[in-house]
């Protein structure tokens, strides 16, 4: 079983902040497709392009990127990349 923890805005697309996948192996890419297909209707779309994926606490980009293999017992954290800013800057 692979445990997926959804952090921050990533959990808005799902009914839970933890998802358990009953597979013994898959790639990060396969997992992201699985999550996209799991997104509930009337919920915000799950944006796979603006997330960091950590596998057992390590950023997947430091491993094999989207081809990083996941195996039974792995814990995957999905962390949305939050960015932005405004035109109005606060003056101190």
Protein backbone atom coordinates (compact mmCIF):
# COMPACT_ATOMS: atom_id res chain seq x y z
CA UNK A 1 0.00 0.00 0.00
CA UNK A 2 1.24 3.49 -0.88
CA UNK A 3 0.16 6.35 1.38
CA UNK A 4 -0.40 9.77 -0.17
CA UNK A 5 -0.59 12.83 2.09
CA UNK A 6 -2.15 15.91 0.52
CA UNK A 7 -0.98 19.18 2.00
CA UNK A 8 -2.33 22.71 1.71
CA UNK A 9 -4.45 23.46 -1.34
CA UNK A 10 -3.81 20.01 -2.83
CA UNK A 11 -6.44 18.50 -0.55
CA UNK A 12 -9.21 20.75 -1.94
CA UNK A 13 -9.72 18.37 -4.87
CA UNK A 14 -10.37 15.34 -2.67
CA UNK A 15 -12.62 14.27 0.19
CA UNK A 16 -9.68 13.41 2.44
CA UNK A 17 -6.14 14.62 3.09
CA UNK A 18 -4.78 11.04 3.04
CA UNK A 19 -5.28 8.58 0.19
CA UNK A 20 -4.23 4.95 0.33
CA UNK A 21 -3.41 3.21 -2.94
CA UNK A 22 -3.66 -0.57 -2.90
CA UNK A 23 -0.77 -1.13 -5.30
CA UNK A 24 2.65 -2.53 -4.57
CA UNK A 25 4.42 -0.40 -7.18
CA UNK A 26 3.91 2.47 -9.60
CA UNK A 27 5.80 5.57 -10.73
CA UNK A 28 5.24 9.11 -9.52
CA UNK A 29 3.82 9.85 -12.99
CA UNK A 30 1.32 6.97 -12.68
CA UNK A 31 0.34 8.18 -9.22
CA UNK A 32 -0.35 11.71 -10.48
CA UNK A 33 -2.58 10.35 -13.26
CA UNK A 34 -4.36 8.18 -10.68
CA UNK A 35 -4.99 11.25 -8.51
CA UNK A 36 -6.27 13.30 -11.46
CA UNK A 37 -8.77 10.55 -12.21
CA UNK A 38 -9.80 10.42 -8.56
CA UNK A 39 -10.68 14.13 -8.36
CA UNK A 40 -14.29 14.61 -7.30
CA UNK A 41 -16.84 16.36 -9.50
CA UNK A 42 -17.67 19.90 -8.40
CA UNK A 43 -14.23 20.16 -6.80
CA UNK A 44 -11.24 22.15 -8.06
CA UNK A 45 -9.14 20.24 -10.57
CA UNK A 46 -6.00 18.64 -9.20
CA UNK A 47 -3.10 20.60 -10.73
CA UNK A 48 -0.22 18.17 -11.29
CA UNK A 49 2.02 20.84 -12.79
CA UNK A 50 2.31 23.02 -9.68
CA UNK A 51 3.11 20.51 -6.97
CA UNK A 52 6.21 19.13 -5.34
CA UNK A 53 6.19 15.40 -4.75
CA UNK A 54 8.18 14.10 -1.79
CA UNK A 55 8.77 10.36 -1.48
CA UNK A 56 9.62 9.33 2.06
CA UNK A 57 10.68 12.93 2.75
CA UNK A 58 12.86 13.35 -0.36
CA UNK A 59 11.89 15.61 -3.25
CA UNK A 60 11.22 13.34 -6.24
CA UNK A 61 13.12 15.75 -8.50
CA UNK A 62 16.26 14.82 -6.55
CA UNK A 63 15.51 11.16 -7.25
CA UNK A 64 14.25 10.14 -10.71
CA UNK A 65 11.64 12.86 -11.18
CA UNK A 66 8.27 11.62 -12.40
CA UNK A 67 9.82 8.24 -13.15
CA UNK A 68 10.68 7.73 -9.46
CA UNK A 69 9.37 4.29 -8.54
CA UNK A 70 6.96 4.00 -5.63
CA UNK A 71 6.69 0.76 -3.70
CA UNK A 72 4.67 -0.80 -0.94
CA UNK A 73 5.12 1.14 2.31
CA UNK A 74 6.17 4.44 0.71
CA UNK A 75 4.72 7.69 2.01
CA UNK A 76 4.25 10.36 -0.65
CA UNK A 77 3.56 13.99 0.25
CA UNK A 78 1.95 16.25 -2.35
CA UNK A 79 2.92 19.85 -1.65
CA UNK A 80 1.39 22.62 -3.76
CA UNK A 81 3.73 25.29 -5.06
CA UNK A 82 2.26 28.50 -3.76
CA UNK A 83 3.30 31.61 -5.57
CA UNK A 84 1.97 34.97 -6.36
CA UNK A 85 2.12 38.41 -5.02
CA UNK A 86 0.33 41.57 -5.66
CA UNK A 87 0.79 44.90 -7.27
CA UNK A 88 0.28 46.62 -3.94
CA UNK A 89 3.34 46.46 -1.76
CA UNK A 90 3.17 47.21 1.91
CA UNK A 91 5.23 50.11 3.08
CA UNK A 92 6.91 49.71 6.41
